[in-house]
N, C-alpha and C. Protein backbone atom coordinates (compact mmCIF):
# COMPACT_ATOMS: atom_id res chain seq x y z
N MET A 1 -30.97 -32.74 -10.35
CA MET A 1 -30.30 -33.98 -10.03
C MET A 1 -29.16 -34.27 -11.01
N ILE A 2 -29.32 -33.88 -12.24
CA ILE A 2 -28.26 -34.10 -13.22
C ILE A 2 -27.03 -33.28 -12.85
N LEU A 3 -27.23 -32.06 -12.38
CA LEU A 3 -26.11 -31.22 -11.97
C LEU A 3 -25.33 -31.86 -10.83
N GLY A 4 -26.02 -32.44 -9.86
CA GLY A 4 -25.36 -33.12 -8.76
C GLY A 4 -24.53 -34.30 -9.23
N THR A 5 -25.01 -35.02 -10.23
CA THR A 5 -24.26 -36.14 -10.78
C THR A 5 -22.99 -35.65 -11.46
N ALA A 6 -23.07 -34.53 -12.18
CA ALA A 6 -21.90 -33.99 -12.85
C ALA A 6 -20.83 -33.59 -11.83
N ILE A 7 -21.24 -33.05 -10.72
CA ILE A 7 -20.28 -32.66 -9.69
C ILE A 7 -19.60 -33.90 -9.12
N ASN A 8 -20.35 -34.94 -8.85
CA ASN A 8 -19.77 -36.17 -8.32
C ASN A 8 -18.80 -36.79 -9.31
N LEU A 9 -19.13 -36.75 -10.59
CA LEU A 9 -18.22 -37.29 -11.60
C LEU A 9 -16.92 -36.50 -11.63
N ASN A 10 -17.01 -35.18 -11.46
CA ASN A 10 -15.84 -34.34 -11.45
C ASN A 10 -14.91 -34.70 -10.29
N VAL A 11 -15.47 -34.97 -9.14
CA VAL A 11 -14.66 -35.37 -7.98
C VAL A 11 -13.99 -36.71 -8.26
N ASN A 12 -14.72 -37.65 -8.87
CA ASN A 12 -14.14 -38.96 -9.17
C ASN A 12 -13.04 -38.85 -10.22
N VAL A 13 -13.19 -37.94 -11.17
CA VAL A 13 -12.16 -37.75 -12.18
C VAL A 13 -10.87 -37.26 -11.54
N GLN A 14 -10.98 -36.42 -10.52
CA GLN A 14 -9.79 -35.92 -9.84
C GLN A 14 -9.12 -37.00 -9.00
N GLY A 15 -9.79 -38.09 -8.75
CA GLY A 15 -9.20 -39.19 -8.01
C GLY A 15 -9.28 -39.03 -6.51
N ALA A 16 -10.08 -38.11 -6.03
CA ALA A 16 -10.18 -37.88 -4.59
C ALA A 16 -11.34 -38.68 -4.03
N GLU A 17 -11.02 -39.66 -3.23
CA GLU A 17 -12.06 -40.45 -2.57
C GLU A 17 -12.52 -39.71 -1.32
N ALA A 18 -13.72 -40.02 -0.86
CA ALA A 18 -14.24 -39.37 0.34
C ALA A 18 -13.28 -39.60 1.50
N GLY A 19 -12.89 -38.55 2.16
CA GLY A 19 -12.02 -38.66 3.31
C GLY A 19 -10.54 -38.64 2.99
N GLU A 20 -10.17 -38.63 1.72
CA GLU A 20 -8.76 -38.64 1.35
C GLU A 20 -8.18 -37.22 1.45
N SER A 21 -7.03 -37.11 2.08
CA SER A 21 -6.35 -35.82 2.19
C SER A 21 -4.94 -35.96 1.65
N TYR A 22 -4.51 -34.97 0.87
CA TYR A 22 -3.16 -35.02 0.30
C TYR A 22 -2.74 -33.64 -0.16
N PHE A 23 -1.45 -33.52 -0.48
CA PHE A 23 -0.88 -32.30 -1.03
C PHE A 23 -0.25 -32.67 -2.36
N ASP A 24 -0.61 -31.97 -3.44
CA ASP A 24 -0.13 -32.35 -4.77
C ASP A 24 0.80 -31.31 -5.41
N GLY A 25 1.39 -30.45 -4.62
CA GLY A 25 2.35 -29.49 -5.16
C GLY A 25 3.71 -30.13 -5.36
N GLY A 26 4.48 -29.59 -6.28
CA GLY A 26 5.79 -30.15 -6.58
C GLY A 26 6.93 -29.26 -6.07
N LEU A 27 8.08 -29.86 -5.89
CA LEU A 27 9.25 -29.15 -5.38
C LEU A 27 9.71 -28.06 -6.35
N ALA A 28 9.71 -28.35 -7.65
CA ALA A 28 10.15 -27.36 -8.64
C ALA A 28 9.26 -26.12 -8.61
N GLN A 29 7.95 -26.32 -8.48
CA GLN A 29 7.02 -25.19 -8.40
C GLN A 29 7.30 -24.38 -7.14
N TYR A 30 7.48 -25.06 -6.03
CA TYR A 30 7.75 -24.38 -4.76
C TYR A 30 9.02 -23.54 -4.84
N ILE A 31 10.07 -24.13 -5.35
CA ILE A 31 11.34 -23.41 -5.48
C ILE A 31 11.18 -22.22 -6.42
N GLY A 32 10.47 -22.41 -7.53
CA GLY A 32 10.25 -21.32 -8.48
C GLY A 32 9.51 -20.15 -7.86
N TRP A 33 8.43 -20.44 -7.13
CA TRP A 33 7.66 -19.36 -6.49
C TRP A 33 8.49 -18.68 -5.40
N CYS A 34 9.29 -19.44 -4.66
CA CYS A 34 10.15 -18.84 -3.63
C CYS A 34 11.18 -17.91 -4.24
N ILE A 35 11.80 -18.35 -5.32
CA ILE A 35 12.81 -17.52 -5.99
C ILE A 35 12.17 -16.25 -6.56
N LEU A 36 11.02 -16.41 -7.25
CA LEU A 36 10.34 -15.25 -7.82
C LEU A 36 9.93 -14.27 -6.72
N GLY A 37 9.36 -14.79 -5.64
CA GLY A 37 8.96 -13.92 -4.53
C GLY A 37 10.14 -13.20 -3.91
N SER A 38 11.26 -13.89 -3.76
CA SER A 38 12.46 -13.26 -3.19
C SER A 38 13.01 -12.18 -4.10
N ILE A 39 13.03 -12.45 -5.40
CA ILE A 39 13.54 -11.45 -6.35
C ILE A 39 12.65 -10.21 -6.35
N VAL A 40 11.34 -10.41 -6.42
CA VAL A 40 10.41 -9.27 -6.43
C VAL A 40 10.52 -8.47 -5.13
N THR A 41 10.61 -9.17 -4.00
CA THR A 41 10.74 -8.49 -2.71
C THR A 41 12.04 -7.70 -2.65
N PHE A 42 13.13 -8.28 -3.13
CA PHE A 42 14.42 -7.60 -3.12
C PHE A 42 14.42 -6.38 -4.02
N ILE A 43 13.91 -6.53 -5.25
CA ILE A 43 13.91 -5.43 -6.21
C ILE A 43 13.07 -4.25 -5.71
N THR A 44 11.96 -4.55 -5.03
CA THR A 44 11.06 -3.48 -4.56
C THR A 44 11.39 -3.04 -3.13
N ILE A 45 12.52 -3.46 -2.62
CA ILE A 45 12.98 -3.11 -1.27
C ILE A 45 11.93 -3.48 -0.21
N GLY A 46 11.27 -4.60 -0.40
CA GLY A 46 10.32 -5.12 0.57
C GLY A 46 8.89 -4.63 0.41
N ILE A 47 8.66 -3.69 -0.46
CA ILE A 47 7.30 -3.16 -0.61
C ILE A 47 6.35 -4.23 -1.14
N CYS A 48 6.82 -5.10 -2.01
CA CYS A 48 5.97 -6.14 -2.59
C CYS A 48 6.03 -7.46 -1.81
N TYR A 49 6.54 -7.43 -0.59
CA TYR A 49 6.55 -8.65 0.21
C TYR A 49 5.14 -9.23 0.39
N PRO A 50 4.11 -8.41 0.62
CA PRO A 50 2.76 -8.99 0.73
C PRO A 50 2.35 -9.76 -0.53
N TRP A 51 2.75 -9.28 -1.71
CA TRP A 51 2.45 -10.00 -2.94
C TRP A 51 3.13 -11.37 -2.93
N ALA A 52 4.41 -11.39 -2.58
CA ALA A 52 5.15 -12.64 -2.54
C ALA A 52 4.54 -13.60 -1.53
N HIS A 53 4.14 -13.08 -0.39
CA HIS A 53 3.54 -13.91 0.65
C HIS A 53 2.22 -14.51 0.16
N VAL A 54 1.39 -13.70 -0.47
CA VAL A 54 0.09 -14.18 -0.96
C VAL A 54 0.27 -15.22 -2.07
N VAL A 55 1.19 -14.97 -2.98
CA VAL A 55 1.41 -15.92 -4.08
C VAL A 55 1.86 -17.27 -3.55
N LEU A 56 2.80 -17.27 -2.64
CA LEU A 56 3.30 -18.53 -2.09
C LEU A 56 2.24 -19.24 -1.25
N TYR A 57 1.49 -18.49 -0.44
CA TYR A 57 0.45 -19.10 0.37
C TYR A 57 -0.69 -19.63 -0.50
N ARG A 58 -1.06 -18.89 -1.56
CA ARG A 58 -2.10 -19.37 -2.48
C ARG A 58 -1.67 -20.69 -3.12
N TRP A 59 -0.41 -20.78 -3.55
CA TRP A 59 0.08 -22.01 -4.15
C TRP A 59 -0.06 -23.17 -3.17
N LYS A 60 0.33 -22.94 -1.93
CA LYS A 60 0.26 -23.98 -0.90
C LYS A 60 -1.18 -24.42 -0.67
N VAL A 61 -2.08 -23.46 -0.49
CA VAL A 61 -3.49 -23.78 -0.19
C VAL A 61 -4.15 -24.48 -1.37
N GLU A 62 -3.93 -24.00 -2.58
CA GLU A 62 -4.63 -24.56 -3.73
C GLU A 62 -4.08 -25.91 -4.17
N HIS A 63 -3.01 -26.37 -3.58
CA HIS A 63 -2.51 -27.71 -3.83
C HIS A 63 -2.81 -28.65 -2.65
N THR A 64 -3.68 -28.22 -1.75
CA THR A 64 -4.03 -29.01 -0.58
C THR A 64 -5.47 -29.51 -0.71
N VAL A 65 -5.66 -30.82 -0.50
CA VAL A 65 -6.98 -31.44 -0.52
C VAL A 65 -7.20 -32.06 0.86
N ILE A 66 -8.33 -31.73 1.49
CA ILE A 66 -8.68 -32.28 2.80
C ILE A 66 -10.04 -32.94 2.69
N ASN A 67 -10.10 -34.20 3.09
CA ASN A 67 -11.35 -34.98 3.01
C ASN A 67 -11.95 -34.93 1.61
N GLY A 68 -11.10 -35.00 0.59
CA GLY A 68 -11.58 -35.02 -0.79
C GLY A 68 -11.99 -33.66 -1.33
N ARG A 69 -11.81 -32.61 -0.57
CA ARG A 69 -12.20 -31.27 -1.01
C ARG A 69 -10.98 -30.37 -1.10
N ARG A 70 -10.80 -29.76 -2.27
CA ARG A 70 -9.65 -28.89 -2.49
C ARG A 70 -9.90 -27.54 -1.84
N LEU A 71 -8.88 -27.05 -1.15
CA LEU A 71 -8.96 -25.74 -0.53
C LEU A 71 -8.78 -24.66 -1.60
N ARG A 72 -9.28 -23.48 -1.31
CA ARG A 72 -9.04 -22.32 -2.19
C ARG A 72 -8.77 -21.11 -1.31
N PHE A 73 -8.06 -20.17 -1.88
CA PHE A 73 -7.66 -18.97 -1.16
C PHE A 73 -8.09 -17.76 -1.97
N ASP A 74 -8.84 -16.82 -1.36
CA ASP A 74 -9.33 -15.66 -2.10
C ASP A 74 -8.73 -14.34 -1.62
N GLY A 75 -7.70 -14.39 -0.82
CA GLY A 75 -7.04 -13.17 -0.37
C GLY A 75 -6.22 -12.55 -1.49
N THR A 76 -6.06 -11.23 -1.43
CA THR A 76 -5.26 -10.54 -2.44
C THR A 76 -4.10 -9.81 -1.79
N ALA A 77 -3.10 -9.51 -2.60
CA ALA A 77 -1.94 -8.79 -2.11
C ALA A 77 -2.32 -7.38 -1.66
N VAL A 78 -3.29 -6.77 -2.32
CA VAL A 78 -3.72 -5.42 -1.94
C VAL A 78 -4.34 -5.43 -0.55
N GLN A 79 -5.16 -6.45 -0.27
CA GLN A 79 -5.76 -6.57 1.07
C GLN A 79 -4.67 -6.74 2.12
N LEU A 80 -3.73 -7.63 1.86
CA LEU A 80 -2.66 -7.86 2.82
C LEU A 80 -1.78 -6.63 2.97
N PHE A 81 -1.54 -5.91 1.88
CA PHE A 81 -0.71 -4.71 1.95
C PHE A 81 -1.34 -3.67 2.87
N GLY A 82 -2.66 -3.50 2.77
CA GLY A 82 -3.36 -2.57 3.65
C GLY A 82 -3.20 -2.94 5.11
N ASN A 83 -3.36 -4.22 5.40
CA ASN A 83 -3.16 -4.69 6.78
C ASN A 83 -1.71 -4.55 7.20
N TRP A 84 -0.79 -4.85 6.28
CA TRP A 84 0.64 -4.79 6.56
C TRP A 84 1.03 -3.38 7.01
N VAL A 85 0.54 -2.37 6.29
CA VAL A 85 0.85 -0.97 6.64
C VAL A 85 0.27 -0.64 8.01
N LYS A 86 -0.98 -1.05 8.23
CA LYS A 86 -1.63 -0.79 9.52
C LYS A 86 -0.86 -1.46 10.66
N TRP A 87 -0.48 -2.73 10.46
CA TRP A 87 0.24 -3.46 11.51
C TRP A 87 1.61 -2.85 11.76
N TRP A 88 2.28 -2.42 10.70
CA TRP A 88 3.59 -1.81 10.83
C TRP A 88 3.49 -0.51 11.63
N LEU A 89 2.50 0.33 11.29
CA LEU A 89 2.32 1.59 12.01
C LEU A 89 2.00 1.34 13.49
N LEU A 90 1.14 0.35 13.77
CA LEU A 90 0.83 0.04 15.16
C LEU A 90 2.07 -0.43 15.91
N SER A 91 2.93 -1.16 15.24
CA SER A 91 4.18 -1.62 15.87
C SER A 91 5.10 -0.45 16.18
N VAL A 92 5.18 0.50 15.26
CA VAL A 92 6.03 1.68 15.47
C VAL A 92 5.47 2.52 16.62
N ILE A 93 4.17 2.77 16.60
CA ILE A 93 3.53 3.60 17.63
C ILE A 93 3.69 3.00 19.03
N THR A 94 3.58 1.67 19.12
CA THR A 94 3.67 1.01 20.43
C THR A 94 5.10 0.59 20.77
N LEU A 95 6.07 1.12 20.04
CA LEU A 95 7.49 0.81 20.25
C LEU A 95 7.77 -0.70 20.18
N GLY A 96 7.11 -1.37 19.25
CA GLY A 96 7.36 -2.79 19.00
C GLY A 96 6.48 -3.75 19.76
N ILE A 97 5.71 -3.27 20.71
CA ILE A 97 4.87 -4.17 21.51
C ILE A 97 3.83 -4.87 20.65
N TYR A 98 3.24 -4.15 19.68
CA TYR A 98 2.21 -4.75 18.82
C TYR A 98 2.78 -5.87 17.95
N SER A 99 4.07 -5.86 17.72
CA SER A 99 4.68 -6.88 16.85
C SER A 99 4.50 -8.29 17.40
N PHE A 100 4.25 -8.42 18.71
CA PHE A 100 4.00 -9.75 19.28
C PHE A 100 2.70 -10.34 18.73
N TRP A 101 1.78 -9.50 18.29
CA TRP A 101 0.49 -9.96 17.77
C TRP A 101 0.49 -10.14 16.25
N LEU A 102 1.56 -9.76 15.58
CA LEU A 102 1.58 -9.80 14.12
C LEU A 102 1.37 -11.20 13.55
N TYR A 103 2.03 -12.20 14.10
CA TYR A 103 1.88 -13.56 13.60
C TYR A 103 0.43 -14.02 13.72
N ILE A 104 -0.20 -13.73 14.86
CA ILE A 104 -1.59 -14.11 15.08
C ILE A 104 -2.50 -13.38 14.09
N LYS A 105 -2.27 -12.10 13.87
CA LYS A 105 -3.08 -11.32 12.93
C LYS A 105 -2.93 -11.87 11.51
N LEU A 106 -1.72 -12.25 11.14
CA LEU A 106 -1.50 -12.82 9.81
C LEU A 106 -2.21 -14.16 9.67
N GLU A 107 -2.15 -15.00 10.69
CA GLU A 107 -2.85 -16.28 10.65
C GLU A 107 -4.36 -16.09 10.59
N GLN A 108 -4.89 -15.10 11.30
CA GLN A 108 -6.32 -14.81 11.25
C GLN A 108 -6.71 -14.35 9.85
N TRP A 109 -5.89 -13.54 9.22
CA TRP A 109 -6.18 -13.07 7.87
C TRP A 109 -6.16 -14.24 6.89
N ARG A 110 -5.18 -15.11 7.02
CA ARG A 110 -5.10 -16.30 6.14
C ARG A 110 -6.34 -17.17 6.30
N ALA A 111 -6.72 -17.46 7.55
CA ALA A 111 -7.87 -18.32 7.81
C ALA A 111 -9.16 -17.70 7.27
N LYS A 112 -9.29 -16.39 7.38
CA LYS A 112 -10.47 -15.69 6.89
C LYS A 112 -10.65 -15.86 5.38
N HIS A 113 -9.54 -15.99 4.67
CA HIS A 113 -9.59 -16.05 3.20
C HIS A 113 -9.34 -17.46 2.63
N THR A 114 -9.33 -18.47 3.48
CA THR A 114 -9.15 -19.84 3.04
C THR A 114 -10.47 -20.58 3.14
N HIS A 115 -10.89 -21.23 2.06
CA HIS A 115 -12.20 -21.89 2.00
C HIS A 115 -12.08 -23.25 1.34
N PHE A 116 -13.10 -24.09 1.59
CA PHE A 116 -13.22 -25.36 0.85
C PHE A 116 -13.77 -25.08 -0.52
């Protein structure tokens, strides 16, 4: 019971009331991550785009609180890179037809790795 009280105090310290939803990320952080991701993607000729995508999405998710609970993201750039290669090859093999499903596949991957 003491552990449960400590958890409740932690939520109250964060200022999140039950049912409160908000985003606490800042513009400077967003711009910084976008610039860093763009530079890394450009320097690596697009090979590190999955890293940039994961870093920016993690920042977005981890600054989001829904119903008083902060979201977390456990996906990694290596996981996304593996999928990225697979999706790219399927697009090439199917002469671009598979590319219509890429956005859906990416959203499914994001949802799979996003948790309360």
